[in-house]
Amino acid sequence: MTADDSFGRLDDDDYPAYTMGRAAEMLGTTQGSLRAIGEARLITPLRSAGGHRRYSRYQLRIAARARELVDQGMPIEAACRIVILEDQLEEAQRINAEHRRAAGDAAAA
């Protein structure tokens, strides 16, 4: 992969562009909190060739939501489960909307 290829991937929500330190800074949390979210299996950061954790923007959004729930007093495990369910619901709603659009297009044709 060339430098140009890597730069183009920065628009990719799933591209692991952020180090643990940068991710923690962006979320206003600690690296330990990110590790805890990983241990709860909410997110699984990719690893660099040197073994360092790398996070994507999508993972940071998920971690931010979990942190918000924990800050409200919820145990980390419960917060992670809620975030997983919210994410699954959002995906199901997206798929349903696609099916409705496709059905509407088929009916119009």
PDB file of N, CA and C in Angstrom:
ATOM      1  N   MET A   1       0.843  -1.174   0.000  1.00  0.00           N
ATOM      2  CA  MET A   1       0.000   0.000   0.000  1.00  0.00           C
ATOM      3  C   MET A   1       0.890   1.240   0.000  1.00  0.00           C
ATOM      4  N   THR A   2       0.586   2.145  -0.884  1.00  0.00           N
ATOM      5  CA  THR A   2       1.368   3.367  -0.980  1.00  0.00           C
ATOM      6  C   THR A   2       0.807   4.424  -0.036  1.00  0.00           C
ATOM      7  N   ALA A   3       1.563   5.485   0.119  1.00  0.00           N
ATOM      8  CA  ALA A   3       1.107   6.589   0.974  1.00  0.00           C
ATOM      9  C   ALA A   3      -0.199   7.170   0.432  1.00  0.00           C
ATOM     10  N   ASP A   4      -0.330   7.253  -0.900  1.00  0.00           N
ATOM     11  CA  ASP A   4      -1.555   7.779  -1.497  1.00  0.00           C
ATOM     12  C   ASP A   4      -2.743   6.890  -1.162  1.00  0.00           C
ATOM     13  N   ASP A   5      -2.549   5.562  -1.177  1.00  0.00           N
ATOM     14  CA  ASP A   5      -3.615   4.628  -0.827  1.00  0.00           C
ATOM     15  C   ASP A   5      -4.043   4.825   0.623  1.00  0.00           C
ATOM     16  N   SER A   6      -3.077   4.964   1.516  1.00  0.00           N
ATOM     17  CA  SER A   6      -3.379   5.148   2.933  1.00  0.00           C
ATOM     18  C   SER A   6      -4.136   6.447   3.156  1.00  0.00           C
ATOM     19  N   PHE A   7      -3.736   7.512   2.478  1.00  0.00           N
ATOM     20  CA  PHE A   7      -4.399   8.801   2.645  1.00  0.00           C
ATOM     21  C   PHE A   7      -5.846   8.710   2.202  1.00  0.00           C
ATOM     22  N   GLY A   8      -6.121   8.016   1.115  1.00  0.00           N
ATOM     23  CA  GLY A   8      -7.482   7.854   0.627  1.00  0.00           C
ATOM     24  C   GLY A   8      -8.357   7.081   1.587  1.00  0.00           C
ATOM     25  N   ARG A   9      -7.786   6.208   2.369  1.00  0.00           N
ATOM     26  CA  ARG A   9      -8.551   5.380   3.303  1.00  0.00           C
ATOM     27  C   ARG A   9      -8.985   6.155   4.537  1.00  0.00           C
ATOM     28  N   LEU A  10      -8.468   7.348   4.741  1.00  0.00           N
ATOM     29  CA  LEU A  10      -8.845   8.122   5.921  1.00  0.00           C
ATOM     30  C   LEU A  10     -10.331   8.467   5.907  1.00  0.00           C
ATOM     31  N   ASP A  11     -10.975   8.442   4.755  1.00  0.00           N
ATOM     32  CA  ASP A  11     -12.412   8.674   4.669  1.00  0.00           C
ATOM     33  C   ASP A  11     -13.205   7.426   5.038  1.00  0.00           C
ATOM     34  N   ASP A  12     -12.520   6.291   5.144  1.00  0.00           N
ATOM     35  CA  ASP A  12     -13.150   5.012   5.456  1.00  0.00           C
ATOM     36  C   ASP A  12     -13.415   4.944   6.961  1.00  0.00           C
ATOM     37  N   ASP A  13     -14.685   4.793   7.346  1.00  0.00           N
ATOM     38  CA  ASP A  13     -15.071   4.732   8.759  1.00  0.00           C
ATOM     39  C   ASP A  13     -14.448   3.558   9.499  1.00  0.00           C
ATOM     40  N   ASP A  14     -14.064   2.521   8.764  1.00  0.00           N
ATOM     41  CA  ASP A  14     -13.517   1.316   9.385  1.00  0.00           C
ATOM     42  C   ASP A  14     -11.992   1.248   9.344  1.00  0.00           C
ATOM     43  N   TYR A  15     -11.357   2.261   8.771  1.00  0.00           N
ATOM     44  CA  TYR A  15      -9.895   2.279   8.686  1.00  0.00           C
ATOM     45  C   TYR A  15      -9.302   2.585  10.059  1.00  0.00           C
ATOM     46  N   PRO A  16      -8.422   1.727  10.570  1.00  0.00           N
ATOM     47  CA  PRO A  16      -7.852   1.921  11.911  1.00  0.00           C
ATOM     48  C   PRO A  16      -6.758   2.991  11.922  1.00  0.00           C
ATOM     49  N   ALA A  17      -7.173   4.238  11.960  1.00  0.00           N
ATOM     50  CA  ALA A  17      -6.243   5.352  11.807  1.00  0.00           C
ATOM     51  C   ALA A  17      -5.717   5.917  13.119  1.00  0.00           C
ATOM     52  N   TYR A  18      -6.332   5.552  14.255  1.00  0.00           N
ATOM     53  CA  TYR A  18      -6.007   6.223  15.506  1.00  0.00           C
ATOM     54  C   TYR A  18      -5.303   5.300  16.495  1.00  0.00           C
ATOM     55  N   THR A  19      -4.219   5.793  17.071  1.00  0.00           N
ATOM     56  CA  THR A  19      -3.516   5.041  18.106  1.00  0.00           C
ATOM     57  C   THR A  19      -4.347   5.071  19.390  1.00  0.00           C
ATOM     58  N   MET A  20      -4.010   4.219  20.317  1.00  0.00           N
ATOM     59  CA  MET A  20      -4.739   4.182  21.584  1.00  0.00           C
ATOM     60  C   MET A  20      -4.656   5.527  22.299  1.00  0.00           C
ATOM     61  N   GLY A  21      -3.475   6.117  22.341  1.00  0.00           N
ATOM     62  CA  GLY A  21      -3.313   7.401  23.009  1.00  0.00           C
ATOM     63  C   GLY A  21      -4.160   8.488  22.376  1.00  0.00           C
ATOM     64  N   ARG A  22      -4.148   8.536  21.061  1.00  0.00           N
ATOM     65  CA  ARG A  22      -4.941   9.552  20.343  1.00  0.00           C
ATOM     66  C   ARG A  22      -6.431   9.296  20.529  1.00  0.00           C
ATOM     67  N   ALA A  23      -6.833   8.028  20.464  1.00  0.00           N
ATOM     68  CA  ALA A  23      -8.241   7.679  20.642  1.00  0.00           C
ATOM     69  C   ALA A  23      -8.722   8.085  22.032  1.00  0.00           C
ATOM     70  N   ALA A  24      -7.942   7.784  23.050  1.00  0.00           N
ATOM     71  CA  ALA A  24      -8.308   8.153  24.424  1.00  0.00           C
ATOM     72  C   ALA A  24      -8.415   9.668  24.555  1.00  0.00           C
ATOM     73  N   GLU A  25      -7.487  10.378  23.962  1.00  0.00           N
ATOM     74  CA  GLU A  25      -7.504  11.843  23.995  1.00  0.00           C
ATOM     75  C   GLU A  25      -8.763  12.391  23.319  1.00  0.00           C
ATOM     76  N   MET A  26      -9.090  11.849  22.165  1.00  0.00           N
ATOM     77  CA  MET A  26     -10.266  12.311  21.428  1.00  0.00           C
ATOM     78  C   MET A  26     -11.553  12.054  22.207  1.00  0.00           C
ATOM     79  N   LEU A  27     -11.601  10.949  22.944  1.00  0.00           N
ATOM     80  CA  LEU A  27     -12.798  10.591  23.708  1.00  0.00           C
ATOM     81  C   LEU A  27     -12.830  11.227  25.092  1.00  0.00           C
ATOM     82  N   GLY A  28     -11.710  11.836  25.498  1.00  0.00           N
ATOM     83  CA  GLY A  28     -11.641  12.419  26.824  1.00  0.00           C
ATOM     84  C   GLY A  28     -11.660  11.358  27.909  1.00  0.00           C
ATOM     85  N   THR A  29     -11.014  10.247  27.635  1.00  0.00           N
ATOM     86  CA  THR A  29     -10.978   9.137  28.581  1.00  0.00           C
ATOM     87  C   THR A  29      -9.547   8.651  28.746  1.00  0.00           C
ATOM     88  N   THR A  30      -9.391   7.553  29.431  1.00  0.00           N
ATOM     89  CA  THR A  30      -8.056   6.994  29.628  1.00  0.00           C
ATOM     90  C   THR A  30      -7.838   5.786  28.720  1.00  0.00           C
ATOM     91  N   GLN A  31      -6.589   5.433  28.556  1.00  0.00           N
ATOM     92  CA  GLN A  31      -6.279   4.233  27.795  1.00  0.00           C
ATOM     93  C   GLN A  31      -6.829   2.995  28.495  1.00  0.00           C
ATOM     94  N   GLY A  32      -6.849   3.022  29.813  1.00  0.00           N
ATOM     95  CA  GLY A  32      -7.414   1.923  30.587  1.00  0.00           C
ATOM     96  C   GLY A  32      -8.894   1.727  30.303  1.00  0.00           C
ATOM     97  N   SER A  33      -9.609   2.822  30.100  1.00  0.00           N
ATOM     98  CA  SER A  33     -11.035   2.723  29.754  1.00  0.00           C
ATOM     99  C   SER A  33     -11.210   2.058  28.401  1.00  0.00           C
ATOM    100  N   LEU A  34     -10.352   2.417  27.459  1.00  0.00           N
ATOM    101  CA  LEU A  34     -10.430   1.774  26.139  1.00  0.00           C
ATOM    102  C   LEU A  34     -10.120   0.286  26.244  1.00  0.00           C
ATOM    103  N   ARG A  35      -9.152  -0.057  27.076  1.00  0.00           N
ATOM    104  CA  ARG A  35      -8.840  -1.476  27.281  1.00  0.00           C
ATOM    105  C   ARG A  35     -10.037  -2.206  27.880  1.00  0.00           C
ATOM    106  N   ALA A  36     -10.713  -1.573  28.853  1.00  0.00           N
ATOM    107  CA  ALA A  36     -11.881  -2.184  29.504  1.00  0.00           C
ATOM    108  C   ALA A  36     -13.002  -2.417  28.499  1.00  0.00           C
ATOM    109  N   ILE A  37     -13.213  -1.461  27.609  1.00  0.00           N
ATOM    110  CA  ILE A  37     -14.240  -1.620  26.578  1.00  0.00           C
ATOM    111  C   ILE A  37     -13.861  -2.768  25.647  1.00  0.00           C
ATOM    112  N   GLY A  38     -12.569  -2.894  25.365  1.00  0.00           N
ATOM    113  CA  GLY A  38     -12.097  -4.015  24.554  1.00  0.00           C
ATOM    114  C   GLY A  38     -12.272  -5.341  25.275  1.00  0.00           C
ATOM    115  N   GLU A  39     -11.984  -5.362  26.568  1.00  0.00           N
ATOM    116  CA  GLU A  39     -12.136  -6.594  27.357  1.00  0.00           C
ATOM    117  C   GLU A  39     -13.605  -7.009  27.455  1.00  0.00           C
ATOM    118  N   ALA A  40     -14.509  -6.025  27.417  1.00  0.00           N
ATOM    119  CA  ALA A  40     -15.945  -6.314  27.428  1.00  0.00           C
ATOM    120  C   ALA A  40     -16.421  -6.733  26.031  1.00  0.00           C
ATOM    121  N   ARG A  41     -15.505  -6.751  25.086  1.00  0.00           N
ATOM    122  CA  ARG A  41     -15.735  -7.186  23.705  1.00  0.00           C
ATOM    123  C   ARG A  41     -16.710  -6.302  22.929  1.00  0.00           C
ATOM    124  N   LEU A  42     -16.751  -5.046  23.301  1.00  0.00           N
ATOM    125  CA  LEU A  42     -17.562  -4.107  22.538  1.00  0.00           C
ATOM    126  C   LEU A  42     -16.849  -3.745  21.240  1.00  0.00           C
ATOM    127  N   ILE A  43     -15.571  -3.474  21.350  1.00  0.00           N
ATOM    128  CA  ILE A  43     -14.753  -3.190  20.166  1.00  0.00           C
ATOM    129  C   ILE A  43     -13.484  -4.024  20.250  1.00  0.00           C
ATOM    130  N   THR A  44     -12.974  -4.372  19.095  1.00  0.00           N
ATOM    131  CA  THR A  44     -11.710  -5.098  19.022  1.00  0.00           C
ATOM    132  C   THR A  44     -10.796  -4.308  18.097  1.00  0.00           C
ATOM    133  N   PRO A  45      -9.871  -3.560  18.671  1.00  0.00           N
ATOM    134  CA  PRO A  45      -8.997  -2.756  17.823  1.00  0.00           C
ATOM    135  C   PRO A  45      -8.082  -3.653  16.993  1.00  0.00           C
ATOM    136  N   LEU A  46      -7.750  -3.163  15.820  1.00  0.00           N
ATOM    137  CA  LEU A  46      -6.762  -3.867  15.008  1.00  0.00           C
ATOM    138  C   LEU A  46      -5.392  -3.584  15.596  1.00  0.00           C
ATOM    139  N   ARG A  47      -4.430  -4.357  15.203  1.00  0.00           N
ATOM    140  CA  ARG A  47      -3.062  -4.177  15.703  1.00  0.00           C
ATOM    141  C   ARG A  47      -2.144  -3.775  14.555  1.00  0.00           C
ATOM    142  N   SER A  48      -1.258  -2.854  14.856  1.00  0.00           N
ATOM    143  CA  SER A  48      -0.249  -2.457  13.879  1.00  0.00           C
ATOM    144  C   SER A  48       0.781  -3.582  13.769  1.00  0.00           C
ATOM    145  N   ALA A  49       1.696  -3.450  12.836  1.00  0.00           N
ATOM    146  CA  ALA A  49       2.754  -4.450  12.676  1.00  0.00           C
ATOM    147  C   ALA A  49       3.566  -4.577  13.956  1.00  0.00           C
ATOM    148  N   GLY A  50       3.666  -3.510  14.725  1.00  0.00           N
ATOM    149  CA  GLY A  50       4.398  -3.530  15.989  1.00  0.00           C
ATOM    150  C   GLY A  50       3.552  -3.984  17.172  1.00  0.00           C
ATOM    151  N   GLY A  51       2.297  -4.335  16.934  1.00  0.00           N
ATOM    152  CA  GLY A  51       1.427  -4.833  17.991  1.00  0.00           C
ATOM    153  C   GLY A  51       0.639  -3.769  18.736  1.00  0.00           C
ATOM    154  N   HIS A  52       0.687  -2.527  18.262  1.00  0.00           N
ATOM    155  CA  HIS A  52      -0.027  -1.438  18.929  1.00  0.00           C
ATOM    156  C   HIS A  52      -1.484  -1.404  18.476  1.00  0.00           C
ATOM    157  N   ARG A  53      -2.376  -1.069  19.396  1.00  0.00           N
ATOM    158  CA  ARG A  53      -3.799  -0.986  19.076  1.00  0.00           C
ATOM    159  C   ARG A  53      -4.066   0.205  18.157  1.00  0.00           C
ATOM    160  N   ARG A  54      -4.958  -0.020  17.188  1.00  0.00           N
ATOM    161  CA  ARG A  54      -5.393   1.033  16.264  1.00  0.00           C
ATOM    162  C   ARG A  54      -6.911   1.007  16.197  1.00  0.00           C
ATOM    163  N   TYR A  55      -7.516   2.175  16.256  1.00  0.00           N
ATOM    164  CA  TYR A  55      -8.968   2.306  16.302  1.00  0.00           C
ATOM    165  C   TYR A  55      -9.491   3.046  15.074  1.00  0.00           C
ATOM    166  N   SER A  56     -10.674   2.660  14.636  1.00  0.00           N
ATOM    167  CA  SER A  56     -11.339   3.339  13.514  1.00  0.00           C
ATOM    168  C   SER A  56     -12.315   4.380  14.070  1.00  0.00           C
ATOM    169  N   ARG A  57     -12.803   5.229  13.190  1.00  0.00           N
ATOM    170  CA  ARG A  57     -13.791   6.224  13.609  1.00  0.00           C
ATOM    171  C   ARG A  57     -15.067   5.543  14.097  1.00  0.00           C
ATOM    172  N   TYR A  58     -15.456   4.471  13.428  1.00  0.00           N
ATOM    173  CA  TYR A  58     -16.634   3.721  13.860  1.00  0.00           C
ATOM    174  C   TYR A  58     -16.438   3.206  15.289  1.00  0.00           C
ATOM    175  N   GLN A  59     -15.291   2.627  15.561  1.00  0.00           N
ATOM    176  CA  GLN A  59     -15.017   2.119  16.907  1.00  0.00           C
ATOM    177  C   GLN A  59     -15.010   3.241  17.940  1.00  0.00           C
ATOM    178  N   LEU A  60     -14.519   4.406  17.557  1.00  0.00           N
ATOM    179  CA  LEU A  60     -14.508   5.538  18.483  1.00  0.00           C
ATOM    180  C   LEU A  60     -15.917   6.015  18.798  1.00  0.00           C
ATOM    181  N   ARG A  61     -16.807   5.991  17.806  1.00  0.00           N
ATOM    182  CA  ARG A  61     -18.200   6.372  18.068  1.00  0.00           C
ATOM    183  C   ARG A  61     -18.853   5.384  19.037  1.00  0.00           C
ATOM    184  N   ILE A  62     -18.586   4.102  18.835  1.00  0.00           N
ATOM    185  CA  ILE A  62     -19.132   3.064  19.708  1.00  0.00           C
ATOM    186  C   ILE A  62     -18.580   3.248  21.129  1.00  0.00           C
ATOM    187  N   ALA A  63     -17.282   3.457  21.241  1.00  0.00           N
ATOM    188  CA  ALA A  63     -16.648   3.639  22.556  1.00  0.00           C
ATOM    189  C   ALA A  63     -17.178   4.894  23.240  1.00  0.00           C
ATOM    190  N   ALA A  64     -17.414   5.955  22.478  1.00  0.00           N
ATOM    191  CA  ALA A  64     -17.934   7.197  23.053  1.00  0.00           C
ATOM    192  C   ALA A  64     -19.323   6.981  23.637  1.00  0.00           C
ATOM    193  N   ARG A  65     -20.154   6.211  22.951  1.00  0.00           N
ATOM    194  CA  ARG A  65     -21.498   5.926  23.459  1.00  0.00           C
ATOM    195  C   ARG A  65     -21.416   5.111  24.752  1.00  0.00           C
ATOM    196  N   ALA A  66     -20.535   4.119  24.787  1.00  0.00           N
ATOM    197  CA  ALA A  66     -20.357   3.311  25.996  1.00  0.00           C
ATOM    198  C   ALA A  66     -19.880   4.196  27.146  1.00  0.00           C
ATOM    199  N   ARG A  67     -18.953   5.073  26.858  1.00  0.00           N
ATOM    200  CA  ARG A  67     -18.436   5.975  27.903  1.00  0.00           C
ATOM    201  C   ARG A  67     -19.541   6.865  28.446  1.00  0.00           C
ATOM    202  N   GLU A  68     -20.414   7.345  27.565  1.00  0.00           N
ATOM    203  CA  GLU A  68     -21.540   8.181  27.974  1.00  0.00           C
ATOM    204  C   GLU A  68     -22.434   7.427  28.978  1.00  0.00           C
ATOM    205  N   LEU A  69     -22.713   6.163  28.699  1.00  0.00           N
ATOM    206  CA  LEU A  69     -23.545   5.358  29.597  1.00  0.00           C
ATOM    207  C   LEU A  69     -22.843   5.086  30.922  1.00  0.00           C
ATOM    208  N   VAL A  70     -21.541   4.807  30.858  1.00  0.00           N
ATOM    209  CA  VAL A  70     -20.771   4.564  32.084  1.00  0.00           C
ATOM    210  C   VAL A  70     -20.735   5.838  32.934  1.00  0.00           C
ATOM    211  N   ASP A  71     -20.582   6.978  32.288  1.00  0.00           N
ATOM    212  CA  ASP A  71     -20.573   8.251  33.010  1.00  0.00           C
ATOM    213  C   ASP A  71     -21.906   8.520  33.706  1.00  0.00           C
ATOM    214  N   GLN A  72     -22.980   7.895  33.206  1.00  0.00           N
ATOM    215  CA  GLN A  72     -24.305   8.034  33.826  1.00  0.00           C
ATOM    216  C   GLN A  72     -24.497   7.032  34.956  1.00  0.00           C
ATOM    217  N   GLY A  73     -23.455   6.232  35.236  1.00  0.00           N
ATOM    218  CA  GLY A  73     -23.508   5.308  36.363  1.00  0.00           C
ATOM    219  C   GLY A  73     -23.764   3.857  36.027  1.00  0.00           C
ATOM    220  N   MET A  74     -23.797   3.537  34.758  1.00  0.00           N
ATOM    221  CA  MET A  74     -24.072   2.166  34.351  1.00  0.00           C
ATOM    222  C   MET A  74     -22.791   1.325  34.395  1.00  0.00           C
ATOM    223  N   PRO A  75     -22.864   0.085  34.829  1.00  0.00           N
ATOM    224  CA  PRO A  75     -21.682  -0.792  34.786  1.00  0.00           C
ATOM    225  C   PRO A  75     -21.216  -0.980  33.340  1.00  0.00           C
ATOM    226  N   ILE A  76     -19.913  -1.122  33.153  1.00  0.00           N
ATOM    227  CA  ILE A  76     -19.337  -1.218  31.804  1.00  0.00           C
ATOM    228  C   ILE A  76     -19.951  -2.353  30.998  1.00  0.00           C
ATOM    229  N   GLU A  77     -20.187  -3.503  31.625  1.00  0.00           N
ATOM    230  CA  GLU A  77     -20.743  -4.648  30.900  1.00  0.00           C
ATOM    231  C   GLU A  77     -22.140  -4.329  30.375  1.00  0.00           C
ATOM    232  N   ALA A  78     -22.967  -3.681  31.214  1.00  0.00           N
ATOM    233  CA  ALA A  78     -24.319  -3.313  30.798  1.00  0.00           C
ATOM    234  C   ALA A  78     -24.275  -2.253  29.702  1.00  0.00           C
ATOM    235  N   ALA A  79     -23.384  -1.277  29.854  1.00  0.00           N
ATOM    236  CA  ALA A  79     -23.248  -0.228  28.846  1.00  0.00           C
ATOM    237  C   ALA A  79     -22.867  -0.828  27.501  1.00  0.00           C
ATOM    238  N   CYS A  80     -21.934  -1.765  27.521  1.00  0.00           N
ATOM    239  CA  CYS A  80     -21.496  -2.394  26.279  1.00  0.00           C
ATOM    240  C   CYS A  80     -22.625  -3.190  25.634  1.00  0.00           C
ATOM    241  N   ARG A  81     -23.412  -3.888  26.438  1.00  0.00           N
ATOM    242  CA  ARG A  81     -24.542  -4.660  25.895  1.00  0.00           C
ATOM    243  C   ARG A  81     -25.570  -3.737  25.261  1.00  0.00           C
ATOM    244  N   ILE A  82     -25.864  -2.621  25.922  1.00  0.00           N
ATOM    245  CA  ILE A  82     -26.816  -1.654  25.370  1.00  0.00           C
ATOM    246  C   ILE A  82     -26.310  -1.099  24.047  1.00  0.00           C
ATOM    247  N   VAL A  83     -25.034  -0.765  23.978  1.00  0.00           N
ATOM    248  CA  VAL A  83     -24.469  -0.208  22.750  1.00  0.00           C
ATOM    249  C   VAL A  83     -24.543  -1.239  21.619  1.00  0.00           C
ATOM    250  N   ILE A  84     -24.269  -2.487  21.931  1.00  0.00           N
ATOM    251  CA  ILE A  84     -24.371  -3.550  20.923  1.00  0.00           C
ATOM    252  C   ILE A  84     -25.804  -3.634  20.402  1.00  0.00           C
ATOM    253  N   LEU A  85     -26.774  -3.626  21.300  1.00  0.00           N
ATOM    254  CA  LEU A  85     -28.180  -3.705  20.893  1.00  0.00           C
ATOM    255  C   LEU A  85     -28.604  -2.479  20.088  1.00  0.00           C
ATOM    256  N   GLU A  86     -28.146  -1.296  20.483  1.00  0.00           N
ATOM    257  CA  GLU A  86     -28.449  -0.083  19.721  1.00  0.00           C
ATOM    258  C   GLU A  86     -27.875  -0.176  18.307  1.00  0.00           C
ATOM    259  N   ASP A  87     -26.659  -0.683  18.200  1.00  0.00           N
ATOM    260  CA  ASP A  87     -26.005  -0.820  16.904  1.00  0.00           C
ATOM    261  C   ASP A  87     -26.750  -1.827  16.030  1.00  0.00           C
ATOM    262  N   GLN A  88     -27.171  -2.938  16.615  1.00  0.00           N
ATOM    263  CA  GLN A  88     -27.922  -3.946  15.868  1.00  0.00           C
ATOM    264  C   GLN A  88     -29.263  -3.380  15.393  1.00  0.00           C
ATOM    265  N   LEU A  89     -29.930  -2.614  16.240  1.00  0.00           N
ATOM    266  CA  LEU A  89     -31.194  -1.995  15.868  1.00  0.00           C
ATOM    267  C   LEU A  89     -31.007  -1.023  14.708  1.00  0.00           C
ATOM    268  N   GLU A  90     -29.975  -0.208  14.793  1.00  0.00           N
ATOM    269  CA  GLU A  90     -29.692   0.752  13.719  1.00  0.00           C
ATOM    270  C   GLU A  90     -29.456   0.031  12.392  1.00  0.00           C
ATOM    271  N   GLU A  91     -28.705  -1.052  12.434  1.00  0.00           N
ATOM    272  CA  GLU A  91     -28.435  -1.823  11.221  1.00  0.00           C
ATOM    273  C   GLU A  91     -29.720  -2.441  10.672  1.00  0.00           C
ATOM    274  N   ALA A  92     -30.557  -2.989  11.538  1.00  0.00           N
ATOM    275  CA  ALA A  92     -31.824  -3.582  11.106  1.00  0.00           C
ATOM    276  C   ALA A  92     -32.726  -2.518  10.476  1.00  0.00           C
ATOM    277  N   GLN A  93     -32.752  -1.336  11.050  1.00  0.00           N
ATOM    278  CA  GLN A  93     -33.553  -0.252  10.494  1.00  0.00           C
ATOM    279  C   GLN A  93     -33.030   0.183   9.128  1.00  0.00           C
ATOM    280  N   ARG A  94     -31.713   0.199   8.975  1.00  0.00           N
ATOM    281  CA  ARG A  94     -31.120   0.549   7.682  1.00  0.00           C
ATOM    282  C   ARG A  94     -31.502  -0.479   6.626  1.00  0.00           C
ATOM    283  N   ILE A  95     -31.417  -1.754   6.972  1.00  0.00           N
ATOM    284  CA  ILE A  95     -31.770  -2.822   6.038  1.00  0.00           C
ATOM    285  C   ILE A  95     -33.253  -2.750   5.668  1.00  0.00           C
ATOM    286  N   ASN A  96     -34.119  -2.509   6.658  1.00  0.00           N
ATOM    287  CA  ASN A  96     -35.552  -2.379   6.386  1.00  0.00           C
ATOM    288  C   ASN A  96     -35.840  -1.224   5.448  1.00  0.00           C
ATOM    289  N   ALA A  97     -35.160  -0.103   5.642  1.00  0.00           N
ATOM    290  CA  ALA A  97     -35.347   1.055   4.768  1.00  0.00           C
ATOM    291  C   ALA A  97     -34.915   0.724   3.344  1.00  0.00           C
ATOM    292  N   GLU A  98     -33.820  -0.020   3.195  1.00  0.00           N
ATOM    293  CA  GLU A  98     -33.371  -0.432   1.857  1.00  0.00           C
ATOM    294  C   GLU A  98     -34.409  -1.329   1.191  1.00  0.00           C
ATOM    295  N   HIS A  99     -34.981  -2.252   1.956  1.00  0.00           N
ATOM    296  CA  HIS A  99     -36.010  -3.142   1.414  1.00  0.00           C
ATOM    297  C   HIS A  99     -37.259  -2.358   1.008  1.00  0.00           C
ATOM    298  N   ARG A 100     -37.645  -1.385   1.813  1.00  0.00           N
ATOM    299  CA  ARG A 100     -38.813  -0.564   1.468  1.00  0.00           C
ATOM    300  C   ARG A 100     -38.552   0.240   0.190  1.00  0.00           C
ATOM    301  N   ARG A 101     -37.330   0.783   0.065  1.00  0.00           N
ATOM    302  CA  ARG A 101     -36.991   1.531  -1.157  1.00  0.00           C
ATOM    303  C   ARG A 101     -37.039   0.620  -2.370  1.00  0.00           C
ATOM    304  N   ALA A 102     -36.453  -0.584  -2.221  1.00  0.00           N
ATOM    305  CA  ALA A 102     -36.433  -1.536  -3.340  1.00  0.00           C
ATOM    306  C   ALA A 102     -37.848  -1.960  -3.710  1.00  0.00           C
ATOM    307  N   ALA A 103     -38.702  -2.171  -2.724  1.00  0.00           N
ATOM    308  CA  ALA A 103     -40.106  -2.543  -2.994  1.00  0.00           C
ATOM    309  C   ALA A 103     -40.843  -1.393  -3.676  1.00  0.00           C
ATOM    310  N   GLY A 104     -40.557  -0.183  -3.238  1.00  0.00           N
ATOM    311  CA  GLY A 104     -41.172   0.992  -3.865  1.00  0.00           C
ATOM    312  C   GLY A 104     -40.704   1.175  -5.294  1.00  0.00           C
ATOM    313  N   ASP A 105     -39.431   0.946  -5.564  1.00  0.00           N
ATOM    314  CA  ASP A 105     -38.894   1.041  -6.921  1.00  0.00           C
ATOM    315  C   ASP A 105     -39.509  -0.026  -7.817  1.00  0.00           C
ATOM    316  N   ALA A 106     -39.681  -1.246  -7.280  1.00  0.00           N
ATOM    317  CA  ALA A 106     -40.251  -2.345  -8.060  1.00  0.00           C
ATOM    318  C   ALA A 106     -41.727  -2.062  -8.378  1.00  0.00           C
ATOM    319  N   ALA A 107     -42.453  -1.475  -7.420  1.00  0.00           N
ATOM    320  CA  ALA A 107     -43.864  -1.171  -7.633  1.00  0.00           C
ATOM    321  C   ALA A 107     -44.035  -0.042  -8.657  1.00  0.00           C
ATOM    322  N   ALA A 108     -43.090   0.883  -8.678  1.00  0.00           N
ATOM    323  CA  ALA A 108     -43.163   2.015  -9.599  1.00  0.00           C
ATOM    324  C   ALA A 108     -42.811   1.608 -11.023  1.00  0.00           C
ATOM    325  N   ALA A 109     -42.088   0.502 -11.180  1.00  0.00           N
ATOM    326  CA  ALA A 109     -41.630   0.089 -12.525  1.00  0.00           C
ATOM    327  C   ALA A 109     -42.659  -0.639 -13.312  1.00  0.00           C
TER     328      ALA A 109
END
